[in-house]
Amino acid sequence: MGLLCAGAFVYSGLFLTEGTGLLLRKRWGEFVTIFITSSFLPFEIYELAAKEFSVFKLLVLIANVVVVVYLVWRVKREKA
């Protein structure tokens, strides 16, 4: 139970950091957003491959990959 609480605390801290960075329009906030969004990919791949396959899970994975690619593209575009 303590490990779950610690994980939730760290997770909420990441989202607070992300929100603060985006609210202040800082570039590092965009990178935190990319990190957090892409951190879901391994869990989605695991759910799809190791557990029961479903079309919905595949669509969620594809949507998340599209979002990560878009975020990276946008950050690179703004850099130029």
PDB file of N, CA and C in Angstrom:
ATOM      1  N   MET A   1       0.829  -1.199   0.000  1.00  0.00           N
ATOM      2  CA  MET A   1       0.000   0.000   0.000  1.00  0.00           C
ATOM      3  C   MET A   1       0.867   1.254   0.000  1.00  0.00           C
ATOM      4  N   GLY A   2       1.976   1.205   0.743  1.00  0.00           N
ATOM      5  CA  GLY A   2       2.859   2.364   0.810  1.00  0.00           C
ATOM      6  C   GLY A   2       3.511   2.661  -0.534  1.00  0.00           C
ATOM      7  N   LEU A   3       3.857   1.612  -1.273  1.00  0.00           N
ATOM      8  CA  LEU A   3       4.464   1.797  -2.588  1.00  0.00           C
ATOM      9  C   LEU A   3       3.465   2.422  -3.558  1.00  0.00           C
ATOM     10  N   LEU A   4       2.220   2.016  -3.459  1.00  0.00           N
ATOM     11  CA  LEU A   4       1.175   2.587  -4.303  1.00  0.00           C
ATOM     12  C   LEU A   4       0.979   4.065  -3.991  1.00  0.00           C
ATOM     13  N   CYS A   5       0.975   4.413  -2.724  1.00  0.00           N
ATOM     14  CA  CYS A   5       0.840   5.812  -2.321  1.00  0.00           C
ATOM     15  C   CYS A   5       2.026   6.646  -2.794  1.00  0.00           C
ATOM     16  N   ALA A   6       3.226   6.095  -2.689  1.00  0.00           N
ATOM     17  CA  ALA A   6       4.417   6.809  -3.151  1.00  0.00           C
ATOM     18  C   ALA A   6       4.365   7.008  -4.662  1.00  0.00           C
ATOM     19  N   GLY A   7       3.935   5.999  -5.378  1.00  0.00           N
ATOM     20  CA  GLY A   7       3.801   6.120  -6.831  1.00  0.00           C
ATOM     21  C   GLY A   7       2.781   7.176  -7.220  1.00  0.00           C
ATOM     22  N   ALA A   8       1.663   7.202  -6.517  1.00  0.00           N
ATOM     23  CA  ALA A   8       0.640   8.216  -6.790  1.00  0.00           C
ATOM     24  C   ALA A   8       1.157   9.615  -6.476  1.00  0.00           C
ATOM     25  N   PHE A   9       1.949   9.750  -5.431  1.00  0.00           N
ATOM     26  CA  PHE A   9       2.524  11.044  -5.065  1.00  0.00           C
ATOM     27  C   PHE A   9       3.489  11.530  -6.145  1.00  0.00           C
ATOM     28  N   VAL A  10       4.353  10.641  -6.632  1.00  0.00           N
ATOM     29  CA  VAL A  10       5.305  11.002  -7.687  1.00  0.00           C
ATOM     30  C   VAL A  10       4.556  11.342  -8.970  1.00  0.00           C
ATOM     31  N   TYR A  11       3.552  10.560  -9.291  1.00  0.00           N
ATOM     32  CA  TYR A  11       2.748  10.776 -10.495  1.00  0.00           C
ATOM     33  C   TYR A  11       2.055  12.133 -10.455  1.00  0.00           C
ATOM     34  N   SER A  12       1.480  12.466  -9.303  1.00  0.00           N
ATOM     35  CA  SER A  12       0.812  13.761  -9.183  1.00  0.00           C
ATOM     36  C   SER A  12       1.823  14.902  -9.244  1.00  0.00           C
ATOM     37  N   GLY A  13       3.021  14.684  -8.722  1.00  0.00           N
ATOM     38  CA  GLY A  13       4.067  15.699  -8.812  1.00  0.00           C
ATOM     39  C   GLY A  13       4.481  15.944 -10.252  1.00  0.00           C
ATOM     40  N   LEU A  14       4.542  14.880 -11.046  1.00  0.00           N
ATOM     41  CA  LEU A  14       4.857  15.035 -12.465  1.00  0.00           C
ATOM     42  C   LEU A  14       3.789  15.848 -13.189  1.00  0.00           C
ATOM     43  N   PHE A  15       2.533  15.564 -12.891  1.00  0.00           N
ATOM     44  CA  PHE A  15       1.456  16.310 -13.529  1.00  0.00           C
ATOM     45  C   PHE A  15       1.418  17.761 -13.064  1.00  0.00           C
ATOM     46  N   LEU A  16       1.747  18.015 -11.817  1.00  0.00           N
ATOM     47  CA  LEU A  16       1.825  19.387 -11.324  1.00  0.00           C
ATOM     48  C   LEU A  16       2.953  20.132 -12.022  1.00  0.00           C
ATOM     49  N   THR A  17       4.093  19.469 -12.188  1.00  0.00           N
ATOM     50  CA  THR A  17       5.229  20.066 -12.895  1.00  0.00           C
ATOM     51  C   THR A  17       4.868  20.341 -14.349  1.00  0.00           C
ATOM     52  N   GLU A  18       4.221  19.379 -14.979  1.00  0.00           N
ATOM     53  CA  GLU A  18       3.811  19.549 -16.379  1.00  0.00           C
ATOM     54  C   GLU A  18       2.855  20.730 -16.521  1.00  0.00           C
ATOM     55  N   GLY A  19       1.856  20.764 -15.691  1.00  0.00           N
ATOM     56  CA  GLY A  19       0.871  21.844 -15.755  1.00  0.00           C
ATOM     57  C   GLY A  19       1.482  23.210 -15.511  1.00  0.00           C
ATOM     58  N   THR A  20       2.395  23.285 -14.550  1.00  0.00           N
ATOM     59  CA  THR A  20       3.064  24.551 -14.266  1.00  0.00           C
ATOM     60  C   THR A  20       3.890  25.001 -15.461  1.00  0.00           C
ATOM     61  N   GLY A  21       4.639  24.088 -16.043  1.00  0.00           N
ATOM     62  CA  GLY A  21       5.457  24.428 -17.207  1.00  0.00           C
ATOM     63  C   GLY A  21       4.628  24.882 -18.389  1.00  0.00           C
ATOM     64  N   LEU A  22       3.505  24.212 -18.620  1.00  0.00           N
ATOM     65  CA  LEU A  22       2.645  24.601 -19.733  1.00  0.00           C
ATOM     66  C   LEU A  22       1.945  25.926 -19.452  1.00  0.00           C
ATOM     67  N   LEU A  23       1.527  26.125 -18.213  1.00  0.00           N
ATOM     68  CA  LEU A  23       0.859  27.376 -17.850  1.00  0.00           C
ATOM     69  C   LEU A  23       1.792  28.572 -18.007  1.00  0.00           C
ATOM     70  N   LEU A  24       3.049  28.378 -17.656  1.00  0.00           N
ATOM     71  CA  LEU A  24       4.037  29.446 -17.779  1.00  0.00           C
ATOM     72  C   LEU A  24       4.663  29.501 -19.178  1.00  0.00           C
ATOM     73  N   ARG A  25       4.198  28.627 -20.056  1.00  0.00           N
ATOM     74  CA  ARG A  25       4.685  28.549 -21.441  1.00  0.00           C
ATOM     75  C   ARG A  25       6.192  28.337 -21.523  1.00  0.00           C
ATOM     76  N   LYS A  26       6.673  27.415 -20.707  1.00  0.00           N
ATOM     77  CA  LYS A  26       8.092  27.066 -20.701  1.00  0.00           C
ATOM     78  C   LYS A  26       8.326  25.880 -21.631  1.00  0.00           C
ATOM     79  N   ARG A  27       9.475  25.890 -22.269  1.00  0.00           N
ATOM     80  CA  ARG A  27       9.812  24.811 -23.200  1.00  0.00           C
ATOM     81  C   ARG A  27       9.947  23.476 -22.471  1.00  0.00           C
ATOM     82  N   TRP A  28      10.487  23.490 -21.258  1.00  0.00           N
ATOM     83  CA  TRP A  28      10.649  22.247 -20.518  1.00  0.00           C
ATOM     84  C   TRP A  28       9.293  21.624 -20.203  1.00  0.00           C
ATOM     85  N   GLY A  29       8.245  22.439 -20.100  1.00  0.00           N
ATOM     86  CA  GLY A  29       6.906  21.895 -19.879  1.00  0.00           C
ATOM     87  C   GLY A  29       6.443  21.040 -21.049  1.00  0.00           C
ATOM     88  N   GLU A  30       6.842  21.444 -22.250  1.00  0.00           N
ATOM     89  CA  GLU A  30       6.503  20.657 -23.434  1.00  0.00           C
ATOM     90  C   GLU A  30       7.228  19.315 -23.417  1.00  0.00           C
ATOM     91  N   PHE A  31       8.488  19.331 -22.981  1.00  0.00           N
ATOM     92  CA  PHE A  31       9.241  18.071 -22.909  1.00  0.00           C
ATOM     93  C   PHE A  31       8.681  17.144 -21.825  1.00  0.00           C
ATOM     94  N   VAL A  32       8.237  17.719 -20.719  1.00  0.00           N
ATOM     95  CA  VAL A  32       7.619  16.905 -19.663  1.00  0.00           C
ATOM     96  C   VAL A  32       6.330  16.276 -20.193  1.00  0.00           C
ATOM     97  N   THR A  33       5.574  17.040 -20.989  1.00  0.00           N
ATOM     98  CA  THR A  33       4.347  16.513 -21.587  1.00  0.00           C
ATOM     99  C   THR A  33       4.652  15.333 -22.498  1.00  0.00           C
ATOM    100  N   ILE A  34       5.692  15.471 -23.320  1.00  0.00           N
ATOM    101  CA  ILE A  34       6.083  14.369 -24.209  1.00  0.00           C
ATOM    102  C   ILE A  34       6.502  13.158 -23.381  1.00  0.00           C
ATOM    103  N   PHE A  35       7.277  13.390 -22.323  1.00  0.00           N
ATOM    104  CA  PHE A  35       7.727  12.286 -21.471  1.00  0.00           C
ATOM    105  C   PHE A  35       6.545  11.560 -20.835  1.00  0.00           C
ATOM    106  N   ILE A  36       5.627  12.315 -20.267  1.00  0.00           N
ATOM    107  CA  ILE A  36       4.489  11.695 -19.575  1.00  0.00           C
ATOM    108  C   ILE A  36       3.596  10.955 -20.568  1.00  0.00           C
ATOM    109  N   THR A  37       3.331  11.578 -21.717  1.00  0.00           N
ATOM    110  CA  THR A  37       2.470  10.937 -22.707  1.00  0.00           C
ATOM    111  C   THR A  37       3.104   9.654 -23.245  1.00  0.00           C
ATOM    112  N   SER A  38       4.407   9.702 -23.501  1.00  0.00           N
ATOM    113  CA  SER A  38       5.056   8.497 -24.025  1.00  0.00           C
ATOM    114  C   SER A  38       5.282   7.435 -22.949  1.00  0.00           C
ATOM    115  N   SER A  39       5.213   7.827 -21.684  1.00  0.00           N
ATOM    116  CA  SER A  39       5.406   6.836 -20.616  1.00  0.00           C
ATOM    117  C   SER A  39       4.257   5.831 -20.541  1.00  0.00           C
ATOM    118  N   PHE A  40       3.129   6.143 -21.150  1.00  0.00           N
ATOM    119  CA  PHE A  40       2.003   5.212 -21.172  1.00  0.00           C
ATOM    120  C   PHE A  40       2.187   4.105 -22.206  1.00  0.00           C
ATOM    121  N   LEU A  41       3.035   4.329 -23.196  1.00  0.00           N
ATOM    122  CA  LEU A  41       3.183   3.371 -24.304  1.00  0.00           C
ATOM    123  C   LEU A  41       3.597   1.971 -23.852  1.00  0.00           C
ATOM    124  N   PRO A  42       4.606   1.821 -22.986  1.00  0.00           N
ATOM    125  CA  PRO A  42       4.963   0.449 -22.581  1.00  0.00           C
ATOM    126  C   PRO A  42       3.811  -0.302 -21.895  1.00  0.00           C
ATOM    127  N   PHE A  43       3.026   0.403 -21.097  1.00  0.00           N
ATOM    128  CA  PHE A  43       1.893  -0.244 -20.424  1.00  0.00           C
ATOM    129  C   PHE A  43       0.833  -0.661 -21.436  1.00  0.00           C
ATOM    130  N   GLU A  44       0.600   0.178 -22.433  1.00  0.00           N
ATOM    131  CA  GLU A  44      -0.388  -0.160 -23.451  1.00  0.00           C
ATOM    132  C   GLU A  44       0.082  -1.332 -24.312  1.00  0.00           C
ATOM    133  N   ILE A  45       1.373  -1.352 -24.632  1.00  0.00           N
ATOM    134  CA  ILE A  45       1.915  -2.474 -25.401  1.00  0.00           C
ATOM    135  C   ILE A  45       1.818  -3.764 -24.592  1.00  0.00           C
ATOM    136  N   TYR A  46       2.125  -3.679 -23.304  1.00  0.00           N
ATOM    137  CA  TYR A  46       2.015  -4.861 -22.441  1.00  0.00           C
ATOM    138  C   TYR A  46       0.573  -5.358 -22.395  1.00  0.00           C
ATOM    139  N   GLU A  47      -0.359  -4.441 -22.207  1.00  0.00           N
ATOM    140  CA  GLU A  47      -1.773  -4.828 -22.161  1.00  0.00           C
ATOM    141  C   GLU A  47      -2.198  -5.503 -23.454  1.00  0.00           C
ATOM    142  N   LEU A  48      -1.684  -4.996 -24.559  1.00  0.00           N
ATOM    143  CA  LEU A  48      -2.072  -5.527 -25.863  1.00  0.00           C
ATOM    144  C   LEU A  48      -1.415  -6.874 -26.144  1.00  0.00           C
ATOM    145  N   ALA A  49      -0.145  -7.008 -25.798  1.00  0.00           N
ATOM    146  CA  ALA A  49       0.602  -8.221 -26.162  1.00  0.00           C
ATOM    147  C   ALA A  49       0.472  -9.339 -25.133  1.00  0.00           C
ATOM    148  N   ALA A  50       0.625  -9.011 -23.860  1.00  0.00           N
ATOM    149  CA  ALA A  50       0.691 -10.056 -22.835  1.00  0.00           C
ATOM    150  C   ALA A  50      -0.674 -10.440 -22.292  1.00  0.00           C
ATOM    151  N   LYS A  51      -1.595  -9.526 -22.379  1.00  0.00           N
ATOM    152  CA  LYS A  51      -2.929  -9.841 -21.874  1.00  0.00           C
ATOM    153  C   LYS A  51      -3.878 -10.025 -23.048  1.00  0.00           C
ATOM    154  N   GLU A  52      -5.126  -9.855 -22.814  1.00  0.00           N
ATOM    155  CA  GLU A  52      -6.126 -10.093 -23.851  1.00  0.00           C
ATOM    156  C   GLU A  52      -6.092  -9.005 -24.927  1.00  0.00           C
ATOM    157  N   PHE A  53      -5.986  -9.420 -26.182  1.00  0.00           N
ATOM    158  CA  PHE A  53      -5.988  -8.490 -27.310  1.00  0.00           C
ATOM    159  C   PHE A  53      -7.407  -7.985 -27.552  1.00  0.00           C
ATOM    160  N   SER A  54      -7.513  -6.692 -27.835  1.00  0.00           N
ATOM    161  CA  SER A  54      -8.795  -6.143 -28.258  1.00  0.00           C
ATOM    162  C   SER A  54      -8.537  -4.985 -29.216  1.00  0.00           C
ATOM    163  N   VAL A  55      -9.494  -4.756 -30.071  1.00  0.00           N
ATOM    164  CA  VAL A  55      -9.378  -3.674 -31.045  1.00  0.00           C
ATOM    165  C   VAL A  55      -9.337  -2.333 -30.326  1.00  0.00           C
ATOM    166  N   PHE A  56     -10.089  -2.193 -29.261  1.00  0.00           N
ATOM    167  CA  PHE A  56     -10.099  -0.943 -28.509  1.00  0.00           C
ATOM    168  C   PHE A  56      -8.713  -0.622 -27.952  1.00  0.00           C
ATOM    169  N   LYS A  57      -8.047  -1.617 -27.390  1.00  0.00           N
ATOM    170  CA  LYS A  57      -6.694  -1.406 -26.854  1.00  0.00           C
ATOM    171  C   LYS A  57      -5.727  -1.015 -27.967  1.00  0.00           C
ATOM    172  N   LEU A  58      -5.878  -1.626 -29.122  1.00  0.00           N
ATOM    173  CA  LEU A  58      -5.035  -1.279 -30.263  1.00  0.00           C
ATOM    174  C   LEU A  58      -5.286   0.158 -30.704  1.00  0.00           C
ATOM    175  N   LEU A  59      -6.546   0.571 -30.732  1.00  0.00           N
ATOM    176  CA  LEU A  59      -6.873   1.943 -31.120  1.00  0.00           C
ATOM    177  C   LEU A  59      -6.327   2.955 -30.119  1.00  0.00           C
ATOM    178  N   VAL A  60      -6.382   2.626 -28.844  1.00  0.00           N
ATOM    179  CA  VAL A  60      -5.825   3.515 -27.818  1.00  0.00           C
ATOM    180  C   VAL A  60      -4.319   3.634 -27.998  1.00  0.00           C
ATOM    181  N   LEU A  61      -3.647   2.534 -28.262  1.00  0.00           N
ATOM    182  CA  LEU A  61      -2.201   2.555 -28.498  1.00  0.00           C
ATOM    183  C   LEU A  61      -1.861   3.412 -29.720  1.00  0.00           C
ATOM    184  N   ILE A  62      -2.583   3.210 -30.806  1.00  0.00           N
ATOM    185  CA  ILE A  62      -2.338   3.995 -32.023  1.00  0.00           C
ATOM    186  C   ILE A  62      -2.587   5.473 -31.769  1.00  0.00           C
ATOM    187  N   ALA A  63      -3.652   5.798 -31.057  1.00  0.00           N
ATOM    188  CA  ALA A  63      -3.948   7.192 -30.757  1.00  0.00           C
ATOM    189  C   ALA A  63      -2.844   7.819 -29.910  1.00  0.00           C
ATOM    190  N   ASN A  64      -2.336   7.081 -28.947  1.00  0.00           N
ATOM    191  CA  ASN A  64      -1.279   7.607 -28.094  1.00  0.00           C
ATOM    192  C   ASN A  64       0.010   7.811 -28.887  1.00  0.00           C
ATOM    193  N   VAL A  65       0.319   6.904 -29.794  1.00  0.00           N
ATOM    194  CA  VAL A  65       1.509   7.062 -30.638  1.00  0.00           C
ATOM    195  C   VAL A  65       1.352   8.291 -31.529  1.00  0.00           C
ATOM    196  N   VAL A  66       0.166   8.488 -32.082  1.00  0.00           N
ATOM    197  CA  VAL A  66      -0.083   9.656 -32.928  1.00  0.00           C
ATOM    198  C   VAL A  66       0.094  10.941 -32.118  1.00  0.00           C
ATOM    199  N   VAL A  67      -0.391  10.969 -30.898  1.00  0.00           N
ATOM    200  CA  VAL A  67      -0.251  12.152 -30.050  1.00  0.00           C
ATOM    201  C   VAL A  67       1.216  12.426 -29.748  1.00  0.00           C
ATOM    202  N   VAL A  68       1.979  11.401 -29.419  1.00  0.00           N
ATOM    203  CA  VAL A  68       3.408  11.586 -29.121  1.00  0.00           C
ATOM    204  C   VAL A  68       4.146  12.094 -30.357  1.00  0.00           C
ATOM    205  N   VAL A  69       3.870  11.514 -31.513  1.00  0.00           N
ATOM    206  CA  VAL A  69       4.518  11.968 -32.746  1.00  0.00           C
ATOM    207  C   VAL A  69       4.162  13.423 -33.027  1.00  0.00           C
ATOM    208  N   TYR A  70       2.897  13.781 -32.842  1.00  0.00           N
ATOM    209  CA  TYR A  70       2.473  15.163 -33.053  1.00  0.00           C
ATOM    210  C   TYR A  70       3.190  16.110 -32.089  1.00  0.00           C
ATOM    211  N   LEU A  71       3.293  15.745 -30.824  1.00  0.00           N
ATOM    212  CA  LEU A  71       3.956  16.607 -29.842  1.00  0.00           C
ATOM    213  C   LEU A  71       5.430  16.807 -30.183  1.00  0.00           C
ATOM    214  N   VAL A  72       6.101  15.726 -30.569  1.00  0.00           N
ATOM    215  CA  VAL A  72       7.514  15.838 -30.944  1.00  0.00           C
ATOM    216  C   VAL A  72       7.649  16.710 -32.189  1.00  0.00           C
ATOM    217  N   TRP A  73       6.793  16.498 -33.171  1.00  0.00           N
ATOM    218  CA  TRP A  73       6.826  17.296 -34.395  1.00  0.00           C
ATOM    219  C   TRP A  73       6.622  18.773 -34.085  1.00  0.00           C
ATOM    220  N   ARG A  74       5.679  19.062 -33.207  1.00  0.00           N
ATOM    221  CA  ARG A  74       5.391  20.462 -32.873  1.00  0.00           C
ATOM    222  C   ARG A  74       6.553  21.122 -32.136  1.00  0.00           C
ATOM    223  N   VAL A  75       7.164  20.406 -31.215  1.00  0.00           N
ATOM    224  CA  VAL A  75       8.313  20.958 -30.497  1.00  0.00           C
ATOM    225  C   VAL A  75       9.473  21.212 -31.459  1.00  0.00           C
ATOM    226  N   LYS A  76       9.719  20.275 -32.383  1.00  0.00           N
ATOM    227  CA  LYS A  76      10.790  20.468 -33.367  1.00  0.00           C
ATOM    228  C   LYS A  76      10.476  21.627 -34.309  1.00  0.00           C
ATOM    229  N   ARG A  77       9.219  21.766 -34.679  1.00  0.00           N
ATOM    230  CA  ARG A  77       8.809  22.848 -35.581  1.00  0.00           C
ATOM    231  C   ARG A  77       8.992  24.220 -34.925  1.00  0.00           C
ATOM    232  N   GLU A  78       8.661  24.315 -33.642  1.00  0.00           N
ATOM    233  CA  GLU A  78       8.798  25.580 -32.933  1.00  0.00           C
ATOM    234  C   GLU A  78      10.252  25.931 -32.696  1.00  0.00           C
ATOM    235  N   LYS A  79      11.115  24.914 -32.646  1.00  0.00           N
ATOM    236  CA  LYS A  79      12.540  25.161 -32.416  1.00  0.00           C
ATOM    237  C   LYS A  79      13.160  25.869 -33.623  1.00  0.00           C
ATOM    238  N   ALA A  80      12.668  25.515 -34.816  1.00  0.00           N
ATOM    239  CA  ALA A  80      13.251  26.078 -36.043  1.00  0.00           C
ATOM    240  C   ALA A  80      12.869  27.523 -36.291  1.00  0.00           C
TER     241      ALA A  80
END
